[in-house]
Amino acid sequence: MIIVKKATFIILTATVSLYSQIIPQVNIPLTITDGTRTKTLYFGLDPSATDGIDPHLDEMEQPPLPPSGVFDARFIGTDINIPQLGEGVLKDYRFGYDTTKGQRIHELRYQVGTGNTITIIWNFPSGVTGLLQDFFGGVVVNVNMTGSGNTVVTNPGIINKLKMTITYNLTGNLLPSPPTLRSPLSGSINQPTNLNLQWTQVSGAVRYHLQVALDSTFNNLIINDSTIQTNSHNVQLQNDKLYYWRVRARNNAGWSTFSTIWNFRTIMPPPSKPQLHSPPKGAFGLSTPIQLKWFVVTYTNEYLLIVSKDSSITDIVLNKSLTDTSFLLTNLLPNTTYYWKVEATNSAGTSSSDIWYFTTLGTSVHNHDFQKKIFFLHNNFPNPFNGKTKIAYSIPEDSFVKFRIFNINGEELYRLEDFKVAGSYSYEIDFTTIKSEKTLASGFYFYQLQSEKYVDTKKMIFLK
């Protein structure tokens, strides 16, 4: 039990450390390269810095030096009496302010990889100068550092360490460093629309300027807020949008440059409720197989079709994931009522349709148990067919009924007209007896039922 508590404490400490990091008041890059590989080190001043390793300033002890032939560069403290730096760091900050006047000493340690020389590149702000020397009193390397410049160490196998003495003559007019974006990570997806954007605190910053846009050039700004006083901000966004964001910091001297640009995509909205299409709710006397159809639901990754023999959807006969909006049901029992629904799913959630039901055709198409008060033209069965096919229908009231068959060109091939009382009926059509100027070829045909108030058309396939 004690061990579990200790592990939990360590995890929480790491999380707090990540988001409590700050960027120092004075933050100066120093680039080291052997011509093939490059590292950028950072040094500077902050009121919270010590001579040792300060994790909140992103100072971290490095692993032991790699073997010879592997490029490396770091700050160490071996020869300047700062053993707290251990194996060395990539960032070395010392106590001070943006108004500090005085000197700080750093020790550079480097080794080449595939190159033969080491180049040190700097770009110092106003009020900062330096002197780069070897530890032999500056006999081999003795370079003044001011403004932008560089120096080449031609014998890094022998001169592999340098002392860097930095002189500060600051007046508080240094612009702050740009913040480092933290969360959400660039390229992340499925972010909530109510989102907390986080970045690294900049020491000495009095406020931050956050920009969020729909384009990487920030012409289409969604958020442009320069009054933020903390290193995080809640934003309300839209679903399924790609957003770009950046932040800059302000101190008494002015605004920093903007941070690097990150992007993320918000989560798509949950799918809306699926709407069923056919067969209509309560349809009866349906010939099998039966094709179930529903309308497209936007933002849907897949549909789940569920068919059951009971209205509570517990006696399930089909539970199938689909990407299409229709499914052909086979192996159905005659004279049986089936209940069905469709669920639409995406990463944001699931929605369910209403439950509809239908009844399959019994052994006799004139079985009056199937008579319902609904107009419905059933799918022909069998389909495809090579001679005869049966077409069932129902009408809700006494009516004059017209039944016709057309080819794909819309030419009428067959017609039946009759007065029918409300009920269920069927036609058996024999394509071999239909008279036409041309022999009926295999292919698609259409049949239509029309009453005084309703009309419906369906497709069938004739195969010789």
Protein backbone atom coordinates (compact mmCIF):
# COMPACT_ATOMS: atom_id res chain seq x y z
CA MET A 1 0.00 0.00 0.00
CA ILE A 2 2.86 2.39 0.82
CA ILE A 3 4.50 1.64 -2.52
CA VAL A 4 1.33 2.50 -4.44
CA LYS A 5 1.07 5.87 -2.70
CA LYS A 6 4.67 6.73 -3.55
CA ALA A 7 4.15 5.85 -7.21
CA THR A 8 1.06 8.03 -7.39
CA PHE A 9 2.94 10.95 -5.86
CA ILE A 10 5.73 10.68 -8.42
CA ILE A 11 3.29 10.79 -11.34
CA LEU A 12 1.52 13.87 -9.99
CA THR A 13 4.84 15.62 -9.41
CA ALA A 14 5.90 15.00 -13.01
CA THR A 15 2.61 16.41 -14.30
CA VAL A 16 2.90 19.57 -12.21
CA SER A 17 6.51 20.01 -13.28
CA LEU A 18 5.58 19.95 -16.96
CA TYR A 19 3.11 22.81 -16.73
CA SER A 20 4.91 24.87 -14.06
CA GLN A 21 7.96 25.40 -16.26
CA ILE A 22 8.77 29.00 -17.12
CA ILE A 23 10.89 30.71 -19.74
CA PRO A 24 13.55 32.91 -18.03
CA GLN A 25 13.57 36.69 -18.18
CA VAL A 26 16.83 36.60 -20.15
CA ASN A 27 16.98 33.64 -22.54
CA ILE A 28 19.83 33.58 -25.07
CA PRO A 29 20.48 30.80 -27.63
CA LEU A 30 23.96 29.52 -28.49
CA THR A 31 24.35 27.23 -31.51
CA ILE A 32 27.08 24.55 -31.69
CA THR A 33 27.74 22.55 -34.88
CA ASP A 34 30.38 20.26 -36.34
CA GLY A 35 29.12 20.96 -39.86
CA THR A 36 26.89 17.90 -39.90
CA ARG A 37 25.06 17.88 -36.58
CA THR A 38 23.82 20.89 -34.60
CA LYS A 39 22.63 21.62 -31.07
CA THR A 40 21.18 24.82 -29.68
CA LEU A 41 22.03 25.54 -26.04
CA TYR A 42 20.42 28.26 -23.94
CA PHE A 43 21.73 30.44 -21.11
CA GLY A 44 20.57 33.59 -19.33
CA LEU A 45 19.10 35.01 -16.14
CA ASP A 46 16.03 34.61 -13.99
CA PRO A 47 15.13 35.61 -10.41
CA SER A 48 14.23 31.99 -9.64
CA ALA A 49 17.45 30.47 -11.03
CA THR A 50 20.26 28.90 -9.00
CA ASP A 51 23.70 27.71 -9.98
CA GLY A 52 22.41 24.15 -9.90
CA ILE A 53 19.80 22.38 -12.01
CA ASP A 54 16.40 24.11 -11.99
CA PRO A 55 13.71 21.83 -13.48
CA HIS A 56 11.13 24.61 -13.56
CA LEU A 57 13.44 26.41 -16.03
CA ASP A 58 13.65 23.22 -18.12
CA GLU A 59 17.19 22.50 -16.95
CA MET A 60 17.76 18.74 -17.02
CA GLU A 61 20.93 16.73 -16.42
CA GLN A 62 22.07 14.96 -19.57
CA PRO A 63 23.21 11.33 -19.88
CA PRO A 64 26.96 10.66 -19.69
CA LEU A 65 29.01 11.87 -22.66
CA PRO A 66 28.62 9.65 -25.74
CA PRO A 67 31.65 7.77 -27.09
CA SER A 68 34.18 9.47 -29.32
CA GLY A 69 32.89 10.01 -32.85
CA VAL A 70 29.38 11.02 -31.72
CA PHE A 71 28.60 14.74 -31.85
CA ASP A 72 27.69 16.38 -28.55
CA ALA A 73 27.50 19.82 -26.95
CA ARG A 74 26.46 20.84 -23.43
CA PHE A 75 27.17 23.12 -20.47
CA ILE A 76 29.16 21.59 -17.62
CA GLY A 77 30.56 22.93 -14.35
CA THR A 78 33.76 20.91 -13.89
CA ASP A 79 36.29 23.74 -14.23
CA ILE A 80 34.16 26.64 -12.96
CA ASN A 81 33.37 25.09 -9.57
CA ILE A 82 29.70 24.26 -10.20
CA PRO A 83 29.57 20.50 -9.57
CA GLN A 84 25.77 20.70 -9.24
CA LEU A 85 25.53 20.52 -13.06
CA GLY A 86 26.62 16.86 -12.92
CA GLU A 87 26.94 15.35 -16.39
CA GLY A 88 25.90 18.66 -17.93
CA VAL A 89 22.82 20.51 -19.20
CA LEU A 90 21.51 22.02 -22.43
CA LYS A 91 20.16 25.06 -20.58
CA ASP A 92 22.19 26.90 -17.94
CA TYR A 93 20.46 29.85 -16.25
CA ARG A 94 21.81 31.91 -13.35
CA PHE A 95 20.24 34.21 -10.80
CA GLY A 96 19.49 37.68 -12.15
CA TYR A 97 16.97 40.07 -13.68
CA ASP A 98 16.51 41.92 -16.94
CA THR A 99 18.16 44.86 -15.15
CA THR A 100 21.25 42.93 -13.99
CA LYS A 101 24.72 44.46 -14.33
CA GLY A 102 27.56 42.03 -13.79
CA GLN A 103 29.21 38.81 -15.02
CA ARG A 104 28.26 35.14 -15.12
CA ILE A 105 30.62 32.32 -16.18
CA HIS A 106 29.58 29.20 -18.15
CA GLU A 107 31.62 26.20 -19.30
CA LEU A 108 31.09 24.65 -22.75
CA ARG A 109 31.94 21.01 -23.48
CA TYR A 110 31.71 19.61 -27.04
CA GLN A 111 33.00 16.89 -29.37
CA VAL A 112 32.79 16.35 -33.10
CA GLY A 113 30.93 13.59 -34.86
CA THR A 114 31.84 13.29 -38.53
CA GLY A 115 33.33 16.78 -38.81
CA ASN A 116 36.78 18.07 -37.94
CA THR A 117 35.90 21.48 -36.46
CA ILE A 118 33.40 22.99 -34.06
CA THR A 119 31.62 26.25 -34.88
CA ILE A 120 30.02 28.34 -32.13
CA ILE A 121 27.36 30.82 -33.29
CA TRP A 122 25.77 33.58 -31.19
CA ASN A 123 23.29 36.41 -31.57
CA PHE A 124 23.37 38.52 -28.38
CA PRO A 125 20.81 41.20 -27.54
CA SER A 126 21.78 44.73 -26.61
CA GLY A 127 23.36 44.90 -23.18
CA VAL A 128 24.94 41.44 -23.40
CA THR A 129 28.55 40.71 -24.41
CA GLY A 130 30.85 37.77 -23.90
CA LEU A 131 34.40 36.50 -23.91
CA LEU A 132 35.14 32.96 -25.11
CA GLN A 133 38.47 31.48 -23.91
CA ASP A 134 40.23 28.18 -23.55
CA PHE A 135 41.22 27.05 -20.07
CA PHE A 136 44.89 27.75 -20.80
CA GLY A 137 44.41 31.47 -20.20
CA GLY A 138 43.08 32.19 -23.67
CA VAL A 139 46.28 31.13 -25.46
CA VAL A 140 44.48 29.28 -28.28
CA VAL A 141 40.92 30.64 -28.14
CA ASN A 142 40.30 34.22 -27.04
CA VAL A 143 37.23 35.63 -28.82
CA ASN A 144 35.07 38.63 -27.95
CA MET A 145 31.35 37.95 -28.39
CA THR A 146 29.04 40.83 -29.24
CA GLY A 147 25.98 41.19 -31.45
CA SER A 148 25.88 38.41 -34.05
CA GLY A 149 28.96 36.36 -34.78
CA ASN A 150 30.72 32.99 -34.72
CA THR A 151 34.06 31.39 -34.12
CA VAL A 152 35.59 28.12 -35.32
CA VAL A 153 37.54 25.77 -33.08
CA THR A 154 39.95 24.02 -35.44
CA ASN A 155 41.36 21.51 -32.96
CA PRO A 156 38.32 20.32 -30.95
CA GLY A 157 40.06 17.06 -30.11
CA ILE A 158 42.45 19.04 -27.89
CA ILE A 159 40.43 22.16 -27.06
CA ASN A 160 37.16 20.44 -26.15
CA LYS A 161 36.13 22.87 -23.39
CA LEU A 162 35.78 26.65 -23.33
CA LYS A 163 35.05 29.23 -20.66
CA MET A 164 32.34 31.72 -21.62
CA THR A 165 32.28 34.89 -19.51
CA ILE A 166 29.06 36.83 -20.08
CA THR A 167 28.84 40.49 -19.10
CA TYR A 168 25.36 41.88 -18.50
CA ASN A 169 24.64 45.59 -18.65
CA LEU A 170 20.87 45.41 -18.82
CA THR A 171 18.38 48.23 -18.38
CA GLY A 172 15.12 46.29 -18.45
CA ASN A 173 14.49 46.92 -22.15
CA LEU A 174 14.90 43.31 -23.35
CA LEU A 175 11.90 41.89 -25.14
CA PRO A 176 10.70 38.58 -23.68
CA SER A 177 11.29 35.23 -25.35
CA PRO A 178 8.30 33.77 -27.19
CA PRO A 179 6.28 31.24 -25.20
CA THR A 180 6.57 27.51 -25.89
CA LEU A 181 3.24 25.91 -26.77
CA ARG A 182 2.30 22.96 -24.54
CA SER A 183 -1.21 21.62 -25.14
CA PRO A 184 -2.87 20.36 -27.21
CA LEU A 185 0.06 18.92 -29.13
CA SER A 186 0.44 19.99 -32.72
CA GLY A 187 -1.33 17.68 -35.13
CA SER A 188 -3.66 16.27 -32.48
CA ILE A 189 -7.22 15.34 -33.43
CA ASN A 190 -10.57 14.81 -31.70
CA GLN A 191 -10.05 17.79 -29.40
CA PRO A 192 -13.13 19.00 -27.47
CA THR A 193 -14.83 22.17 -28.64
CA ASN A 194 -14.47 23.62 -25.13
CA LEU A 195 -10.70 23.50 -25.00
CA ASN A 196 -8.00 24.80 -22.66
CA LEU A 197 -4.94 26.02 -24.61
CA GLN A 198 -1.73 25.99 -22.57
CA TRP A 199 1.76 27.38 -23.07
CA THR A 200 4.91 27.92 -21.01
CA GLN A 201 4.91 30.88 -18.65
CA VAL A 202 7.42 33.59 -19.60
CA SER A 203 9.20 35.12 -16.62
CA GLY A 204 8.46 38.83 -16.34
CA ALA A 205 5.57 38.71 -18.79
CA VAL A 206 2.63 40.92 -17.82
CA ARG A 207 0.24 39.47 -20.40
CA TYR A 208 -0.06 37.21 -23.44
CA HIS A 209 -1.50 37.55 -26.92
CA LEU A 210 -3.32 34.46 -28.22
CA GLN A 211 -4.34 34.03 -31.84
CA VAL A 212 -6.45 31.16 -33.16
CA ALA A 213 -7.26 30.96 -36.86
CA LEU A 214 -8.66 28.71 -39.55
CA ASP A 215 -5.57 29.21 -41.71
CA SER A 216 -1.82 29.04 -41.09
CA THR A 217 -1.34 32.65 -42.26
CA PHE A 218 -3.78 33.90 -39.57
CA ASN A 219 -5.86 35.89 -42.03
CA ASN A 220 -9.06 34.20 -40.84
CA LEU A 221 -8.80 34.85 -37.12
CA ILE A 222 -11.27 33.25 -34.74
CA ILE A 223 -9.63 34.50 -31.52
CA ASN A 224 -7.35 37.53 -31.22
CA ASP A 225 -6.98 38.26 -27.52
CA SER A 226 -4.03 40.30 -26.19
CA THR A 227 -5.34 40.73 -22.63
CA ILE A 228 -4.61 37.23 -21.22
CA GLN A 229 -2.72 37.30 -17.92
CA THR A 230 -2.12 33.56 -17.41
CA ASN A 231 -0.35 30.92 -19.48
CA SER A 232 -3.59 29.16 -20.44
CA HIS A 233 -6.92 30.15 -21.92
CA ASN A 234 -10.26 28.42 -22.47
CA VAL A 235 -11.67 28.71 -25.98
CA GLN A 236 -15.04 27.72 -27.42
CA LEU A 237 -14.70 26.28 -30.92
CA GLN A 238 -16.75 24.49 -33.57
CA ASN A 239 -16.86 20.78 -34.30
CA ASP A 240 -14.68 19.16 -36.95
CA LYS A 241 -12.50 22.19 -37.73
CA LEU A 242 -8.74 22.46 -38.22
CA TYR A 243 -7.40 25.32 -36.09
CA TYR A 244 -3.98 27.00 -36.02
CA TRP A 245 -2.74 28.83 -32.93
CA ARG A 246 0.20 30.82 -31.62
CA VAL A 247 1.05 33.00 -28.59
CA ARG A 248 3.38 35.87 -27.80
CA ALA A 249 4.34 37.48 -24.47
CA ARG A 250 4.66 41.07 -23.34
CA ASN A 251 6.84 42.62 -20.66
CA ASN A 252 7.63 46.26 -19.86
CA ALA A 253 9.82 46.50 -22.98
CA GLY A 254 7.17 45.28 -25.42
CA TRP A 255 5.93 42.17 -27.24
CA SER A 256 8.01 39.10 -28.06
CA THR A 257 7.82 37.46 -31.42
CA PHE A 258 5.07 34.85 -31.79
CA SER A 259 5.69 31.27 -30.81
CA THR A 260 5.90 28.50 -33.37
CA ILE A 261 2.55 27.69 -34.99
CA TRP A 262 0.73 24.54 -33.89
CA ASN A 263 -2.51 23.08 -35.15
CA PHE A 264 -5.21 20.68 -33.98
CA ARG A 265 -8.58 19.40 -35.17
CA THR A 266 -11.70 19.44 -33.03
CA ILE A 267 -13.89 16.40 -32.59
CA MET A 268 -16.76 15.84 -34.99
CA PRO A 269 -20.27 16.27 -33.53
CA PRO A 270 -22.19 13.19 -32.42
CA PRO A 271 -24.27 11.77 -35.27
CA SER A 272 -27.86 12.91 -35.49
CA LYS A 273 -30.74 10.46 -35.07
CA PRO A 274 -30.96 8.11 -38.09
CA GLN A 275 -34.18 8.31 -40.08
CA LEU A 276 -35.50 5.03 -41.47
CA HIS A 277 -36.71 4.93 -45.08
CA SER A 278 -38.25 1.62 -46.05
CA PRO A 279 -40.11 -0.59 -45.75
CA PRO A 280 -42.55 1.78 -44.04
CA LYS A 281 -43.33 1.30 -40.39
CA GLY A 282 -46.04 -1.36 -40.03
CA ALA A 283 -45.65 -2.71 -43.60
CA PHE A 284 -47.12 -6.20 -43.97
CA GLY A 285 -47.19 -9.06 -46.42
CA LEU A 286 -43.63 -8.38 -47.59
CA SER A 287 -42.06 -10.85 -49.96
CA THR A 288 -38.57 -11.96 -49.05
CA PRO A 289 -35.76 -11.10 -49.33
CA ILE A 290 -36.46 -7.60 -47.95
CA GLN A 291 -34.20 -4.61 -48.43
CA LEU A 292 -34.01 -2.28 -45.42
CA LYS A 293 -33.08 1.33 -46.20
CA TRP A 294 -32.33 4.45 -44.15
CA PHE A 295 -31.14 7.96 -44.87
CA VAL A 296 -27.50 9.07 -44.72
CA VAL A 297 -26.42 10.55 -41.38
CA THR A 298 -23.57 13.05 -41.61
CA TYR A 299 -20.48 12.59 -39.43
CA THR A 300 -21.08 8.84 -39.25
CA ASN A 301 -18.25 6.31 -39.41
CA GLU A 302 -20.49 3.27 -39.39
CA TYR A 303 -24.06 2.11 -38.90
CA LEU A 304 -25.26 -0.73 -36.72
CA LEU A 305 -28.35 -2.50 -38.06
CA ILE A 306 -30.28 -4.49 -35.46
CA VAL A 307 -33.22 -6.76 -36.36
CA SER A 308 -35.23 -8.56 -33.71
CA LYS A 309 -38.40 -10.63 -33.33
CA ASP A 310 -39.63 -8.54 -30.41
CA SER A 311 -40.23 -4.82 -29.86
CA SER A 312 -37.81 -4.68 -26.92
CA ILE A 313 -34.98 -5.74 -29.29
CA THR A 314 -33.89 -8.69 -27.18
CA ASP A 315 -34.63 -11.61 -29.52
CA ILE A 316 -32.02 -10.45 -32.02
CA VAL A 317 -31.70 -12.15 -35.40
CA LEU A 318 -29.21 -9.66 -36.94
CA ASN A 319 -26.62 -7.31 -35.44
CA LYS A 320 -24.42 -6.04 -38.24
CA SER A 321 -22.00 -3.11 -38.72
CA LEU A 322 -22.33 -1.39 -42.08
CA THR A 323 -21.02 1.63 -43.95
CA ASP A 324 -23.84 1.57 -46.52
CA THR A 325 -27.40 2.81 -45.92
CA SER A 326 -29.20 -0.35 -47.02
CA PHE A 327 -29.09 -4.07 -46.35
CA LEU A 328 -30.83 -7.06 -47.96
CA LEU A 329 -32.43 -9.32 -45.36
CA THR A 330 -32.58 -13.01 -46.24
CA ASN A 331 -33.67 -16.20 -44.48
CA LEU A 332 -36.73 -14.58 -42.94
CA LEU A 333 -39.65 -16.66 -41.69
CA PRO A 334 -43.06 -16.30 -43.37
CA ASN A 335 -45.94 -14.63 -41.56
CA THR A 336 -43.53 -13.16 -38.96
CA THR A 337 -43.23 -9.65 -37.56
CA TYR A 338 -39.71 -8.24 -37.31
CA TYR A 339 -38.58 -5.10 -35.50
CA TRP A 340 -35.55 -3.11 -36.62
CA LYS A 341 -33.54 -0.01 -35.86
CA VAL A 342 -30.29 1.63 -36.97
CA GLU A 343 -27.58 3.17 -34.78
CA ALA A 344 -25.13 5.74 -36.16
CA THR A 345 -21.68 5.90 -34.55
CA ASN A 346 -18.60 8.12 -34.65
CA SER A 347 -15.83 9.04 -32.21
CA ALA A 348 -18.12 11.52 -30.46
CA GLY A 349 -20.92 9.09 -29.68
CA THR A 350 -23.84 6.99 -30.91
CA SER A 351 -27.44 7.83 -31.79
CA SER A 352 -30.33 5.45 -32.42
CA SER A 353 -33.32 5.57 -34.77
CA ASP A 354 -36.90 4.85 -33.83
CA ILE A 355 -37.95 1.20 -33.93
CA TRP A 356 -39.94 0.21 -37.01
CA TYR A 357 -41.53 -3.15 -37.82
CA PHE A 358 -42.76 -5.14 -40.78
CA THR A 359 -44.48 -8.50 -41.34
CA THR A 360 -43.41 -11.02 -43.93
CA LEU A 361 -45.76 -12.61 -46.45
CA GLY A 362 -47.66 -15.68 -45.30
CA THR A 363 -48.32 -18.85 -47.30
CA SER A 364 -51.24 -17.12 -49.04
CA VAL A 365 -50.96 -13.58 -50.32
CA HIS A 366 -54.70 -13.15 -49.66
CA ASN A 367 -54.39 -13.97 -45.97
CA HIS A 368 -56.54 -11.22 -44.46
CA ASP A 369 -54.58 -11.36 -41.21
CA PHE A 370 -52.14 -9.10 -43.07
CA GLN A 371 -54.64 -6.49 -44.07
CA LYS A 372 -53.61 -3.16 -42.58
CA LYS A 373 -54.81 0.33 -43.26
CA ILE A 374 -51.79 1.37 -45.34
CA PHE A 375 -50.97 1.88 -49.00
CA PHE A 376 -47.91 -0.18 -49.85
CA LEU A 377 -46.38 -1.74 -52.94
CA HIS A 378 -44.17 -4.68 -52.03
CA ASN A 379 -40.98 -5.87 -53.67
CA ASN A 380 -41.64 -8.53 -56.26
CA PHE A 381 -40.61 -12.09 -55.42
CA PRO A 382 -38.58 -13.79 -56.62
CA ASN A 383 -36.26 -11.07 -57.82
CA PRO A 384 -34.39 -11.54 -60.10
CA PHE A 385 -36.76 -13.90 -61.97
CA ASN A 386 -36.69 -15.70 -65.33
CA GLY A 387 -40.40 -16.04 -66.04
CA LYS A 388 -42.98 -15.48 -63.36
CA THR A 389 -42.84 -13.14 -60.39
CA LYS A 390 -45.37 -12.19 -57.74
CA ILE A 391 -46.16 -8.60 -56.71
CA ALA A 392 -48.21 -7.92 -53.58
CA TYR A 393 -49.81 -4.63 -52.56
CA SER A 394 -52.28 -3.15 -50.11
CA ILE A 395 -54.63 -0.15 -50.25
CA PRO A 396 -56.15 1.59 -47.21
CA GLU A 397 -59.50 2.42 -48.79
CA ASP A 398 -61.80 1.43 -51.67
CA SER A 399 -60.21 2.80 -54.80
CA PHE A 400 -59.74 2.48 -58.54
CA VAL A 401 -56.30 0.86 -59.02
CA LYS A 402 -54.00 1.03 -62.02
CA PHE A 403 -51.03 -1.38 -62.32
CA ARG A 404 -48.42 -0.92 -65.10
CA ILE A 405 -45.02 -2.28 -66.19
CA PHE A 406 -42.42 -0.18 -68.08
CA ASN A 407 -39.05 -0.81 -69.69
CA ILE A 408 -36.00 1.33 -68.87
CA ASN A 409 -37.01 3.78 -71.65
CA GLY A 410 -40.32 4.46 -69.95
CA GLU A 411 -42.38 2.58 -72.53
CA GLU A 412 -45.49 0.93 -71.08
CA LEU A 413 -45.47 -2.85 -71.65
CA TYR A 414 -48.34 -4.05 -69.46
CA ARG A 415 -51.45 -2.56 -67.79
CA LEU A 416 -54.17 -3.74 -65.40
CA GLU A 417 -57.00 -1.51 -64.19
CA ASP A 418 -59.64 -2.47 -61.62
CA PHE A 419 -61.72 -1.23 -58.71
CA LYS A 420 -60.58 -2.74 -55.39
CA VAL A 421 -61.97 -2.52 -51.90
CA ALA A 422 -59.54 -1.79 -49.06
CA GLY A 423 -57.28 -4.77 -48.43
CA SER A 424 -54.28 -6.75 -49.63
CA TYR A 425 -53.86 -8.22 -53.12
CA SER A 426 -51.22 -9.56 -55.47
CA TYR A 427 -50.50 -9.96 -59.14
CA GLU A 428 -48.60 -12.86 -60.68
CA ILE A 429 -46.86 -11.64 -63.78
CA ASP A 430 -45.56 -13.97 -66.49
CA PHE A 431 -43.04 -12.10 -68.63
CA THR A 432 -43.13 -14.81 -71.28
CA THR A 433 -46.75 -13.89 -72.09
CA ILE A 434 -46.38 -10.09 -72.19
CA LYS A 435 -46.98 -8.94 -75.75
CA SER A 436 -44.50 -6.43 -77.11
CA GLU A 437 -43.18 -5.32 -80.46
CA LYS A 438 -39.83 -6.75 -79.44
CA THR A 439 -38.93 -9.80 -77.41
CA LEU A 440 -38.37 -8.75 -73.81
CA ALA A 441 -34.64 -8.82 -73.08
CA SER A 442 -32.94 -9.48 -69.75
CA GLY A 443 -32.48 -6.37 -67.69
CA PHE A 444 -34.19 -3.85 -65.44
CA TYR A 445 -37.92 -3.13 -65.58
CA PHE A 446 -40.21 -0.97 -63.48
CA TYR A 447 -43.66 -1.65 -62.07
CA GLN A 448 -46.04 1.00 -60.74
CA LEU A 449 -49.18 0.93 -58.65
CA GLN A 450 -51.46 3.95 -58.71
CA SER A 451 -54.67 4.58 -56.75
CA GLU A 452 -56.76 7.70 -56.54
CA LYS A 453 -54.50 9.17 -53.79
CA TYR A 454 -51.23 7.23 -53.95
CA VAL A 455 -48.59 6.12 -56.40
CA ASP A 456 -45.41 4.03 -55.99
CA THR A 457 -42.84 2.60 -58.41
CA LYS A 458 -40.30 -0.18 -57.89
CA LYS A 459 -37.61 -1.91 -59.90
CA MET A 460 -37.30 -5.60 -60.83
CA ILE A 461 -34.77 -7.70 -62.76
CA PHE A 462 -35.77 -10.10 -65.55
CA LEU A 463 -33.21 -12.80 -66.40
CA LYS A 464 -33.80 -15.21 -69.25
